[in-house]
């Protein structure tokens, strides 16, 4: 069975967010405009879009509510 949720971590050197596949053997660089689901726990998830201003943030909902991401956190996502 395919694992749905993957770790998304911030890469300081590349100044971007990365999703790791296959136990960190390969990765995917998230770019502005990329959409994905963010896992919040207990089966709750948000459909969101990545954007970059002065810092990386995600947009969620019909009103494009902005949430800034913390570079020291690991987020669970599905692309």
Protein backbone atom coordinates (compact mmCIF):
# COMPACT_ATOMS: atom_id res chain seq x y z
CA UNK A 1 0.00 0.00 0.00
CA UNK A 2 1.26 3.46 -0.93
CA UNK A 3 2.04 5.85 1.93
CA UNK A 4 -0.21 8.89 1.60
CA UNK A 5 1.41 11.45 3.92
CA UNK A 6 5.00 12.59 3.35
CA UNK A 7 7.29 14.88 5.34
CA UNK A 8 7.69 18.42 4.07
CA UNK A 9 10.74 20.17 5.51
CA UNK A 10 12.45 23.48 4.89
CA UNK A 11 15.84 23.41 3.16
CA UNK A 12 17.93 26.39 4.37
CA UNK A 13 20.55 25.98 1.66
CA UNK A 14 18.04 26.03 -1.22
CA UNK A 15 15.62 28.40 0.59
CA UNK A 16 12.62 26.22 -0.25
CA UNK A 17 10.32 23.52 1.09
CA UNK A 18 11.02 19.90 0.11
CA UNK A 19 8.91 16.73 0.19
CA UNK A 20 10.85 13.52 0.74
CA UNK A 21 9.93 10.22 -0.96
CA UNK A 22 11.39 6.75 -0.44
CA UNK A 23 12.89 7.38 3.01
CA UNK A 24 14.80 10.53 1.92
CA UNK A 25 16.39 8.92 -1.17
CA UNK A 26 14.57 11.31 -3.49
CA UNK A 27 12.81 14.60 -2.99
CA UNK A 28 10.47 17.11 -4.61
CA UNK A 29 10.99 20.88 -4.45
CA UNK A 30 7.77 22.77 -3.72
CA UNK A 31 7.35 25.88 -5.88
CA UNK A 32 5.02 28.87 -5.77
CA UNK A 33 1.56 27.88 -6.94
CA UNK A 34 1.95 24.16 -6.08
CA UNK A 35 -1.15 22.70 -4.43
CA UNK A 36 -1.17 19.94 -1.82
CA UNK A 37 -3.09 18.66 1.19
CA UNK A 38 -1.77 19.53 4.65
CA UNK A 39 -2.47 16.94 7.35
CA UNK A 40 -3.67 18.50 10.63
CA UNK A 41 -4.23 15.26 12.56
CA UNK A 42 -7.24 13.07 13.44
CA UNK A 43 -8.16 12.70 9.76
CA UNK A 44 -8.40 16.46 9.21
CA UNK A 45 -6.59 17.98 6.24
CA UNK A 46 -6.60 21.23 4.26
CA UNK A 47 -6.23 21.76 0.55
CA UNK A 48 -3.72 24.60 0.19
CA UNK A 49 -1.42 26.39 -2.22
CA UNK A 50 2.21 27.39 -1.56
CA UNK A 51 3.25 31.01 -2.10
CA UNK A 52 6.32 33.14 -1.39
CA UNK A 53 6.39 36.76 -0.27
CA UNK A 54 9.02 37.87 2.20
CA UNK A 55 8.50 34.37 3.74
CA UNK A 56 6.88 31.11 2.58
CA UNK A 57 3.17 30.77 3.33
CA UNK A 58 0.15 28.72 2.29
CA UNK A 59 -3.24 29.92 1.10
CA UNK A 60 -6.35 27.99 2.17
CA UNK A 61 -10.10 28.32 1.69
CA UNK A 62 -12.29 30.38 -0.59
CA UNK A 63 -10.94 33.65 0.82
CA UNK A 64 -7.29 32.60 0.40
CA UNK A 65 -6.53 32.81 4.12
CA UNK A 66 -2.78 33.10 4.66
CA UNK A 67 -0.79 30.89 7.07
CA UNK A 68 2.95 31.35 7.41
CA UNK A 69 5.05 28.19 7.66
CA UNK A 70 7.70 27.78 10.35
CA UNK A 71 11.03 26.62 8.88
CA UNK A 72 11.88 24.57 12.00
CA UNK A 73 8.68 22.47 11.72
CA UNK A 74 8.02 19.27 9.77
CA UNK A 75 4.63 19.17 8.04
CA UNK A 76 2.76 16.10 6.79
CA UNK A 77 1.50 16.62 3.22
CA UNK A 78 0.06 14.72 0.27
CA UNK A 79 0.69 15.81 -3.31
